[in-house]
PDB file of N, CA and C in Angstrom:
ATOM      1  N   MET A   1       0.841  -1.170   0.000  1.00  0.00           N
ATOM      2  CA  MET A   1       0.000   0.000   0.000  1.00  0.00           C
ATOM      3  C   MET A   1       0.885   1.231   0.000  1.00  0.00           C
ATOM      4  N   CYS A   2       0.346   2.319  -0.422  1.00  0.00           N
ATOM      5  CA  CYS A   2       1.112   3.552  -0.554  1.00  0.00           C
ATOM      6  C   CYS A   2       1.586   4.062   0.806  1.00  0.00           C
ATOM      7  N   ARG A   3       2.876   4.361   0.918  1.00  0.00           N
ATOM      8  CA  ARG A   3       3.430   4.868   2.182  1.00  0.00           C
ATOM      9  C   ARG A   3       3.002   6.301   2.446  1.00  0.00           C
ATOM     10  N   GLU A   4       2.567   7.023   1.419  1.00  0.00           N
ATOM     11  CA  GLU A   4       2.163   8.410   1.620  1.00  0.00           C
ATOM     12  C   GLU A   4       0.719   8.537   2.058  1.00  0.00           C
ATOM     13  N   CYS A   5      -0.185   7.806   1.380  1.00  0.00           N
ATOM     14  CA  CYS A   5      -1.612   7.992   1.680  1.00  0.00           C
ATOM     15  C   CYS A   5      -2.298   6.751   2.241  1.00  0.00           C
ATOM     16  N   GLY A   6      -1.631   5.583   2.214  1.00  0.00           N
ATOM     17  CA  GLY A   6      -2.238   4.360   2.735  1.00  0.00           C
ATOM     18  C   GLY A   6      -3.235   3.722   1.792  1.00  0.00           C
ATOM     19  N   ASP A   7      -3.301   4.176   0.549  1.00  0.00           N
ATOM     20  CA  ASP A   7      -4.271   3.688  -0.432  1.00  0.00           C
ATOM     21  C   ASP A   7      -3.693   2.519  -1.221  1.00  0.00           C
ATOM     22  N   LEU A   8      -4.458   1.442  -1.349  1.00  0.00           N
ATOM     23  CA  LEU A   8      -4.033   0.319  -2.179  1.00  0.00           C
ATOM     24  C   LEU A   8      -3.978   0.722  -3.641  1.00  0.00           C
ATOM     25  N   GLY A   9      -4.775   1.681  -4.038  1.00  0.00           N
ATOM     26  CA  GLY A   9      -4.856   2.089  -5.429  1.00  0.00           C
ATOM     27  C   GLY A   9      -3.578   2.666  -5.985  1.00  0.00           C
ATOM     28  N   CYS A  10      -2.682   3.138  -5.148  1.00  0.00           N
ATOM     29  CA  CYS A  10      -1.407   3.679  -5.623  1.00  0.00           C
ATOM     30  C   CYS A  10      -0.433   2.566  -6.002  1.00  0.00           C
ATOM     31  N   GLY A  11      -0.747   1.359  -5.620  1.00  0.00           N
ATOM     32  CA  GLY A  11       0.083   0.211  -5.974  1.00  0.00           C
ATOM     33  C   GLY A  11       0.497  -0.570  -4.746  1.00  0.00           C
ATOM     34  N   ALA A  12       0.238  -1.875  -4.775  1.00  0.00           N
ATOM     35  CA  ALA A  12       0.595  -2.735  -3.651  1.00  0.00           C
ATOM     36  C   ALA A  12       0.749  -4.166  -4.134  1.00  0.00           C
ATOM     37  N   LEU A  13       1.651  -4.883  -3.505  1.00  0.00           N
ATOM     38  CA  LEU A  13       1.752  -6.319  -3.727  1.00  0.00           C
ATOM     39  C   LEU A  13       0.649  -6.966  -2.899  1.00  0.00           C
ATOM     40  N   THR A  14      -0.194  -7.764  -3.530  1.00  0.00           N
ATOM     41  CA  THR A  14      -1.303  -8.394  -2.832  1.00  0.00           C
ATOM     42  C   THR A  14      -1.178  -9.910  -2.906  1.00  0.00           C
ATOM     43  N   VAL A  15      -1.842 -10.585  -1.979  1.00  0.00           N
ATOM     44  CA  VAL A  15      -1.822 -12.045  -1.940  1.00  0.00           C
ATOM     45  C   VAL A  15      -3.134 -12.530  -1.317  1.00  0.00           C
ATOM     46  N   ASN A  16      -3.606 -13.661  -1.782  1.00  0.00           N
ATOM     47  CA  ASN A  16      -4.763 -14.320  -1.192  1.00  0.00           C
ATOM     48  C   ASN A  16      -4.254 -15.230  -0.075  1.00  0.00           C
ATOM     49  N   ILE A  17      -4.830 -15.107   1.118  1.00  0.00           N
ATOM     50  CA  ILE A  17      -4.424 -15.945   2.250  1.00  0.00           C
ATOM     51  C   ILE A  17      -5.600 -16.840   2.621  1.00  0.00           C
ATOM     52  N   GLU A  18      -5.380 -18.145   2.595  1.00  0.00           N
ATOM     53  CA  GLU A  18      -6.418 -19.122   2.915  1.00  0.00           C
ATOM     54  C   GLU A  18      -6.008 -19.935   4.135  1.00  0.00           C
ATOM     55  N   ARG A  19      -6.943 -20.153   5.034  1.00  0.00           N
ATOM     56  CA  ARG A  19      -6.719 -21.009   6.192  1.00  0.00           C
ATOM     57  C   ARG A  19      -7.650 -22.202   6.053  1.00  0.00           C
ATOM     58  N   SER A  20      -7.046 -23.396   6.077  1.00  0.00           N
ATOM     59  CA  SER A  20      -7.821 -24.622   5.953  1.00  0.00           C
ATOM     60  C   SER A  20      -7.281 -25.618   6.963  1.00  0.00           C
ATOM     61  N   GLY A  21      -8.061 -25.877   7.998  1.00  0.00           N
ATOM     62  CA  GLY A  21      -7.618 -26.804   9.034  1.00  0.00           C
ATOM     63  C   GLY A  21      -6.357 -26.302   9.715  1.00  0.00           C
ATOM     64  N   GLN A  22      -5.299 -27.098   9.642  1.00  0.00           N
ATOM     65  CA  GLN A  22      -4.039 -26.759  10.305  1.00  0.00           C
ATOM     66  C   GLN A  22      -3.018 -26.124   9.363  1.00  0.00           C
ATOM     67  N   MET A  23      -3.476 -25.663   8.197  1.00  0.00           N
ATOM     68  CA  MET A  23      -2.571 -25.087   7.217  1.00  0.00           C
ATOM     69  C   MET A  23      -3.026 -23.679   6.819  1.00  0.00           C
ATOM     70  N   VAL A  24      -2.036 -22.825   6.514  1.00  0.00           N
ATOM     71  CA  VAL A  24      -2.288 -21.494   5.970  1.00  0.00           C
ATOM     72  C   VAL A  24      -1.559 -21.442   4.633  1.00  0.00           C
ATOM     73  N   ARG A  25      -2.255 -20.977   3.605  1.00  0.00           N
ATOM     74  CA  ARG A  25      -1.661 -20.944   2.270  1.00  0.00           C
ATOM     75  C   ARG A  25      -1.735 -19.534   1.699  1.00  0.00           C
ATOM     76  N   TRP A  26      -0.613 -19.071   1.154  1.00  0.00           N
ATOM     77  CA  TRP A  26      -0.553 -17.807   0.417  1.00  0.00           C
ATOM     78  C   TRP A  26      -0.476 -18.162  -1.059  1.00  0.00           C
ATOM     79  N   ASN A  27      -1.338 -17.563  -1.874  1.00  0.00           N
ATOM     80  CA  ASN A  27      -1.298 -17.780  -3.316  1.00  0.00           C
ATOM     81  C   ASN A  27      -1.903 -16.572  -4.025  1.00  0.00           C
ATOM     82  N   GLN A  28      -1.963 -16.611  -5.325  1.00  0.00           N
ATOM     83  CA  GLN A  28      -2.535 -15.556  -6.161  1.00  0.00           C
ATOM     84  C   GLN A  28      -1.865 -14.204  -5.897  1.00  0.00           C
ATOM     85  N   PHE A  29      -0.549 -14.181  -5.958  1.00  0.00           N
ATOM     86  CA  PHE A  29       0.185 -12.934  -5.789  1.00  0.00           C
ATOM     87  C   PHE A  29      -0.038 -12.046  -7.011  1.00  0.00           C
ATOM     88  N   GLY A  30      -0.114 -10.746  -6.780  1.00  0.00           N
ATOM     89  CA  GLY A  30      -0.276  -9.821  -7.889  1.00  0.00           C
ATOM     90  C   GLY A  30      -0.034  -8.392  -7.443  1.00  0.00           C
ATOM     91  N   TRP A  31      -0.051  -7.498  -8.409  1.00  0.00           N
ATOM     92  CA  TRP A  31       0.086  -6.066  -8.135  1.00  0.00           C
ATOM     93  C   TRP A  31      -1.282  -5.428  -8.268  1.00  0.00           C
ATOM     94  N   ASP A  32      -1.711  -4.731  -7.229  1.00  0.00           N
ATOM     95  CA  ASP A  32      -2.997  -4.042  -7.233  1.00  0.00           C
ATOM     96  C   ASP A  32      -2.729  -2.554  -7.317  1.00  0.00           C
ATOM     97  N   GLY A  33      -3.309  -1.926  -8.291  1.00  0.00           N
ATOM     98  CA  GLY A  33      -3.154  -0.482  -8.448  1.00  0.00           C
ATOM     99  C   GLY A  33      -4.373   0.075  -9.144  1.00  0.00           C
ATOM    100  N   SER A  34      -5.472   0.257  -8.412  1.00  0.00           N
ATOM    101  CA  SER A  34      -6.751   0.627  -9.021  1.00  0.00           C
ATOM    102  C   SER A  34      -6.742   2.013  -9.653  1.00  0.00           C
ATOM    103  N   HIS A  35      -5.714   2.827  -9.392  1.00  0.00           N
ATOM    104  CA  HIS A  35      -5.640   4.140 -10.025  1.00  0.00           C
ATOM    105  C   HIS A  35      -4.989   4.057 -11.403  1.00  0.00           C
ATOM    106  N   HIS A  36      -4.574   2.874 -11.829  1.00  0.00           N
ATOM    107  CA  HIS A  36      -3.914   2.687 -13.105  1.00  0.00           C
ATOM    108  C   HIS A  36      -4.879   2.048 -14.095  1.00  0.00           C
ATOM    109  N   GLU A  37      -4.488   1.958 -15.351  1.00  0.00           N
ATOM    110  CA  GLU A  37      -5.350   1.379 -16.375  1.00  0.00           C
ATOM    111  C   GLU A  37      -5.754  -0.055 -16.039  1.00  0.00           C
ATOM    112  N   GLU A  38      -4.801  -0.855 -15.585  1.00  0.00           N
ATOM    113  CA  GLU A  38      -5.094  -2.232 -15.196  1.00  0.00           C
ATOM    114  C   GLU A  38      -5.074  -2.313 -13.674  1.00  0.00           C
ATOM    115  N   PRO A  39      -6.255  -2.396 -13.029  1.00  0.00           N
ATOM    116  CA  PRO A  39      -6.285  -2.354 -11.564  1.00  0.00           C
ATOM    117  C   PRO A  39      -5.600  -3.518 -10.869  1.00  0.00           C
ATOM    118  N   TYR A  40      -5.544  -4.687 -11.509  1.00  0.00           N
ATOM    119  CA  TYR A  40      -4.893  -5.843 -10.886  1.00  0.00           C
ATOM    120  C   TYR A  40      -4.097  -6.576 -11.950  1.00  0.00           C
ATOM    121  N   SER A  41      -2.874  -6.915 -11.632  1.00  0.00           N
ATOM    122  CA  SER A  41      -2.014  -7.642 -12.557  1.00  0.00           C
ATOM    123  C   SER A  41      -1.394  -8.814 -11.801  1.00  0.00           C
ATOM    124  N   ALA A  42      -1.789 -10.037 -12.180  1.00  0.00           N
ATOM    125  CA  ALA A  42      -1.254 -11.236 -11.523  1.00  0.00           C
ATOM    126  C   ALA A  42       0.230 -11.370 -11.846  1.00  0.00           C
ATOM    127  N   ILE A  43       0.989 -11.860 -10.900  1.00  0.00           N
ATOM    128  CA  ILE A  43       2.401 -12.145 -11.145  1.00  0.00           C
ATOM    129  C   ILE A  43       2.464 -13.302 -12.132  1.00  0.00           C
ATOM    130  N   GLU A  44       3.311 -13.175 -13.138  1.00  0.00           N
ATOM    131  CA  GLU A  44       3.330 -14.108 -14.265  1.00  0.00           C
ATOM    132  C   GLU A  44       3.604 -15.557 -13.883  1.00  0.00           C
ATOM    133  N   PHE A  45       4.464 -15.791 -12.921  1.00  0.00           N
ATOM    134  CA  PHE A  45       4.742 -17.171 -12.539  1.00  0.00           C
ATOM    135  C   PHE A  45       4.029 -17.448 -11.216  1.00  0.00           C
ATOM    136  N   PRO A  46       3.436 -18.634 -11.092  1.00  0.00           N
ATOM    137  CA  PRO A  46       2.663 -18.928  -9.875  1.00  0.00           C
ATOM    138  C   PRO A  46       3.558 -19.093  -8.644  1.00  0.00           C
ATOM    139  N   LEU A  47       3.168 -18.433  -7.596  1.00  0.00           N
ATOM    140  CA  LEU A  47       3.840 -18.578  -6.305  1.00  0.00           C
ATOM    141  C   LEU A  47       2.835 -19.126  -5.315  1.00  0.00           C
ATOM    142  N   GLU A  48       3.298 -19.989  -4.433  1.00  0.00           N
ATOM    143  CA  GLU A  48       2.448 -20.493  -3.367  1.00  0.00           C
ATOM    144  C   GLU A  48       3.326 -20.860  -2.191  1.00  0.00           C
ATOM    145  N   PHE A  49       2.922 -20.414  -1.018  1.00  0.00           N
ATOM    146  CA  PHE A  49       3.631 -20.736   0.213  1.00  0.00           C
ATOM    147  C   PHE A  49       2.626 -21.347   1.169  1.00  0.00           C
ATOM    148  N   THR A  50       3.023 -22.433   1.835  1.00  0.00           N
ATOM    149  CA  THR A  50       2.155 -23.113   2.789  1.00  0.00           C
ATOM    150  C   THR A  50       2.849 -23.145   4.146  1.00  0.00           C
ATOM    151  N   PHE A  51       2.089 -22.831   5.199  1.00  0.00           N
ATOM    152  CA  PHE A  51       2.623 -22.766   6.553  1.00  0.00           C
ATOM    153  C   PHE A  51       1.753 -23.603   7.475  1.00  0.00           C
ATOM    154  N   GLU A  52       2.354 -24.172   8.511  1.00  0.00           N
ATOM    155  CA  GLU A  52       1.605 -24.859   9.563  1.00  0.00           C
ATOM    156  C   GLU A  52       0.952 -23.765  10.403  1.00  0.00           C
ATOM    157  N   ALA A  53      -0.365 -23.863  10.617  1.00  0.00           N
ATOM    158  CA  ALA A  53      -1.155 -22.777  11.203  1.00  0.00           C
ATOM    159  C   ALA A  53      -0.674 -22.346  12.594  1.00  0.00           C
ATOM    160  N   ALA A  54      -0.325 -23.281  13.461  1.00  0.00           N
ATOM    161  CA  ALA A  54       0.107 -22.910  14.818  1.00  0.00           C
ATOM    162  C   ALA A  54       1.397 -22.090  14.778  1.00  0.00           C
ATOM    163  N   SER A  55       2.354 -22.485  13.951  1.00  0.00           N
ATOM    164  CA  SER A  55       3.606 -21.728  13.816  1.00  0.00           C
ATOM    165  C   SER A  55       3.350 -20.371  13.179  1.00  0.00           C
ATOM    166  N   TYR A  56       2.491 -20.334  12.184  1.00  0.00           N
ATOM    167  CA  TYR A  56       2.119 -19.091  11.507  1.00  0.00           C
ATOM    168  C   TYR A  56       1.513 -18.106  12.507  1.00  0.00           C
ATOM    169  N   ASP A  57       0.555 -18.592  13.297  1.00  0.00           N
ATOM    170  CA  ASP A  57      -0.095 -17.735  14.298  1.00  0.00           C
ATOM    171  C   ASP A  57       0.901 -17.246  15.345  1.00  0.00           C
ATOM    172  N   ALA A  58       1.807 -18.136  15.794  1.00  0.00           N
ATOM    173  CA  ALA A  58       2.809 -17.752  16.788  1.00  0.00           C
ATOM    174  C   ALA A  58       3.738 -16.670  16.229  1.00  0.00           C
ATOM    175  N   THR A  59       4.109 -16.795  14.966  1.00  0.00           N
ATOM    176  CA  THR A  59       4.982 -15.794  14.341  1.00  0.00           C
ATOM    177  C   THR A  59       4.277 -14.452  14.238  1.00  0.00           C
ATOM    178  N   LEU A  60       3.028 -14.444  13.783  1.00  0.00           N
ATOM    179  CA  LEU A  60       2.277 -13.178  13.701  1.00  0.00           C
ATOM    180  C   LEU A  60       2.089 -12.550  15.072  1.00  0.00           C
ATOM    181  N   HIS A  61       1.825 -13.377  16.070  1.00  0.00           N
ATOM    182  CA  HIS A  61       1.661 -12.864  17.439  1.00  0.00           C
ATOM    183  C   HIS A  61       2.967 -12.235  17.931  1.00  0.00           C
ATOM    184  N   SER A  62       4.080 -12.900  17.667  1.00  0.00           N
ATOM    185  CA  SER A  62       5.387 -12.390  18.071  1.00  0.00           C
ATOM    186  C   SER A  62       5.700 -11.056  17.389  1.00  0.00           C
ATOM    187  N   VAL A  63       5.427 -10.973  16.096  1.00  0.00           N
ATOM    188  CA  VAL A  63       5.655  -9.709  15.371  1.00  0.00           C
ATOM    189  C   VAL A  63       4.775  -8.611  15.947  1.00  0.00           C
ATOM    190  N   GLY A  64       3.527  -8.918  16.200  1.00  0.00           N
ATOM    191  CA  GLY A  64       2.617  -7.925  16.783  1.00  0.00           C
ATOM    192  C   GLY A  64       3.110  -7.422  18.134  1.00  0.00           C
ATOM    193  N   GLU A  65       3.593  -8.328  18.974  1.00  0.00           N
ATOM    194  CA  GLU A  65       4.129  -7.920  20.283  1.00  0.00           C
ATOM    195  C   GLU A  65       5.347  -7.028  20.131  1.00  0.00           C
ATOM    196  N   ARG A  66       6.245  -7.375  19.189  1.00  0.00           N
ATOM    197  CA  ARG A  66       7.445  -6.548  18.968  1.00  0.00           C
ATOM    198  C   ARG A  66       7.083  -5.166  18.463  1.00  0.00           C
ATOM    199  N   VAL A  67       6.105  -5.088  17.574  1.00  0.00           N
ATOM    200  CA  VAL A  67       5.676  -3.786  17.052  1.00  0.00           C
ATOM    201  C   VAL A  67       5.098  -2.934  18.179  1.00  0.00           C
ATOM    202  N   LEU A  68       4.234  -3.526  18.984  1.00  0.00           N
ATOM    203  CA  LEU A  68       3.637  -2.777  20.090  1.00  0.00           C
ATOM    204  C   LEU A  68       4.668  -2.394  21.142  1.00  0.00           C
ATOM    205  N   ALA A  69       5.632  -3.274  21.399  1.00  0.00           N
ATOM    206  CA  ALA A  69       6.657  -3.006  22.405  1.00  0.00           C
ATOM    207  C   ALA A  69       7.642  -1.933  21.949  1.00  0.00           C
ATOM    208  N   SER A  70       7.808  -1.782  20.652  1.00  0.00           N
ATOM    209  CA  SER A  70       8.797  -0.820  20.156  1.00  0.00           C
ATOM    210  C   SER A  70       8.358   0.621  20.380  1.00  0.00           C
ATOM    211  N   GLN A  71       7.046   0.835  20.489  1.00  0.00           N
ATOM    212  CA  GLN A  71       6.513   2.188  20.687  1.00  0.00           C
ATOM    213  C   GLN A  71       7.020   3.154  19.630  1.00  0.00           C
ATOM    214  N   ARG A  72       7.351   2.609  18.474  1.00  0.00           N
ATOM    215  CA  ARG A  72       7.844   3.438  17.374  1.00  0.00           C
ATOM    216  C   ARG A  72       6.703   4.279  16.808  1.00  0.00           C
ATOM    217  N   GLN A  73       6.980   5.509  16.589  1.00  0.00           N
ATOM    218  CA  GLN A  73       5.992   6.378  15.974  1.00  0.00           C
ATOM    219  C   GLN A  73       6.023   6.158  14.465  1.00  0.00           C
ATOM    220  N   SER A  74       4.857   6.188  13.839  1.00  0.00           N
ATOM    221  CA  SER A  74       4.838   6.031  12.391  1.00  0.00           C
ATOM    222  C   SER A  74       5.413   7.273  11.735  1.00  0.00           C
ATOM    223  N   ALA A  75       6.046   7.058  10.600  1.00  0.00           N
ATOM    224  CA  ALA A  75       6.608   8.181   9.860  1.00  0.00           C
ATOM    225  C   ALA A  75       5.492   9.115   9.419  1.00  0.00           C
ATOM    226  N   ALA A  76       5.830  10.372   9.249  1.00  0.00           N
ATOM    227  CA  ALA A  76       4.834  11.360   8.852  1.00  0.00           C
ATOM    228  C   ALA A  76       4.164  10.983   7.535  1.00  0.00           C
ATOM    229  N   MET A  77       4.883  10.252   6.693  1.00  0.00           N
ATOM    230  CA  MET A  77       4.343   9.923   5.379  1.00  0.00           C
ATOM    231  C   MET A  77       3.720   8.531   5.325  1.00  0.00           C
ATOM    232  N   GLY A  78       3.690   7.787   6.406  1.00  0.00           N
ATOM    233  CA  GLY A  78       3.192   6.418   6.305  1.00  0.00           C
ATOM    234  C   GLY A  78       2.377   5.992   7.506  1.00  0.00           C
ATOM    235  N   HIS A  79       1.871   4.797   7.412  1.00  0.00           N
ATOM    236  CA  HIS A  79       1.075   4.198   8.474  1.00  0.00           C
ATOM    237  C   HIS A  79       1.853   3.031   9.059  1.00  0.00           C
ATOM    238  N   LEU A  80       1.848   2.885  10.375  1.00  0.00           N
ATOM    239  CA  LEU A  80       2.485   1.738  11.006  1.00  0.00           C
ATOM    240  C   LEU A  80       1.535   0.537  10.987  1.00  0.00           C
ATOM    241  N   TRP A  81       0.245   0.801  11.115  1.00  0.00           N
ATOM    242  CA  TRP A  81      -0.738  -0.273  11.237  1.00  0.00           C
ATOM    243  C   TRP A  81      -1.999   0.137  10.499  1.00  0.00           C
ATOM    244  N   TRP A  82      -2.513  -0.723   9.651  1.00  0.00           N
ATOM    245  CA  TRP A  82      -3.732  -0.446   8.890  1.00  0.00           C
ATOM    246  C   TRP A  82      -4.616  -1.668   8.992  1.00  0.00           C
ATOM    247  N   ARG A  83      -5.886  -1.484   9.329  1.00  0.00           N
ATOM    248  CA  ARG A  83      -6.765  -2.639   9.457  1.00  0.00           C
ATOM    249  C   ARG A  83      -8.157  -2.286   8.934  1.00  0.00           C
ATOM    250  N   GLU A  84      -8.703  -3.184   8.140  1.00  0.00           N
ATOM    251  CA  GLU A  84     -10.072  -3.119   7.655  1.00  0.00           C
ATOM    252  C   GLU A  84     -10.647  -4.517   7.811  1.00  0.00           C
ATOM    253  N   PRO A  85     -11.975  -4.667   7.774  1.00  0.00           N
ATOM    254  CA  PRO A  85     -12.533  -6.019   7.878  1.00  0.00           C
ATOM    255  C   PRO A  85     -11.940  -6.943   6.817  1.00  0.00           C
ATOM    256  N   GLY A  86     -11.352  -8.041   7.262  1.00  0.00           N
ATOM    257  CA  GLY A  86     -10.776  -9.021   6.369  1.00  0.00           C
ATOM    258  C   GLY A  86      -9.400  -8.663   5.837  1.00  0.00           C
ATOM    259  N   PHE A  87      -8.809  -7.574   6.337  1.00  0.00           N
ATOM    260  CA  PHE A  87      -7.517  -7.115   5.817  1.00  0.00           C
ATOM    261  C   PHE A  87      -6.723  -6.452   6.935  1.00  0.00           C
ATOM    262  N   ALA A  88      -5.446  -6.788   7.035  1.00  0.00           N
ATOM    263  CA  ALA A  88      -4.568  -6.122   7.999  1.00  0.00           C
ATOM    264  C   ALA A  88      -3.194  -5.965   7.377  1.00  0.00           C
ATOM    265  N   MET A  89      -2.504  -4.864   7.676  1.00  0.00           N
ATOM    266  CA  MET A  89      -1.188  -4.599   7.141  1.00  0.00           C
ATOM    267  C   MET A  89      -0.324  -4.017   8.255  1.00  0.00           C
ATOM    268  N   ILE A  90       0.913  -4.469   8.330  1.00  0.00           N
ATOM    269  CA  ILE A  90       1.876  -3.936   9.284  1.00  0.00           C
ATOM    270  C   ILE A  90       3.058  -3.429   8.484  1.00  0.00           C
ATOM    271  N   ASP A  91       3.477  -2.202   8.743  1.00  0.00           N
ATOM    272  CA  ASP A  91       4.649  -1.622   8.095  1.00  0.00           C
ATOM    273  C   ASP A  91       5.824  -1.792   9.039  1.00  0.00           C
ATOM    274  N   LEU A  92       6.717  -2.738   8.749  1.00  0.00           N
ATOM    275  CA  LEU A  92       7.864  -3.003   9.607  1.00  0.00           C
ATOM    276  C   LEU A  92       9.109  -2.373   9.058  1.00  0.00           C
TER     277      LEU A  92
END
């Protein structure tokens, strides 16, 4: 997402995240830029990453704790944390 305005339309790497049982899968990577002629452009070669759900959750929890513990102020031009229903982004 854009570091200046936080808008996905300025261009962002996107991915579909699926949770099924004890597995988490990332797939359908692409570039999203709704302010451009082509709002979504899939990455030409297929990428897929699969994670064990408990380890995945523990890693996200650990990152979240480190971000909160750092008490770092977000840059004037960016967002440290962005959340919408079904979507979350952390700027590390």
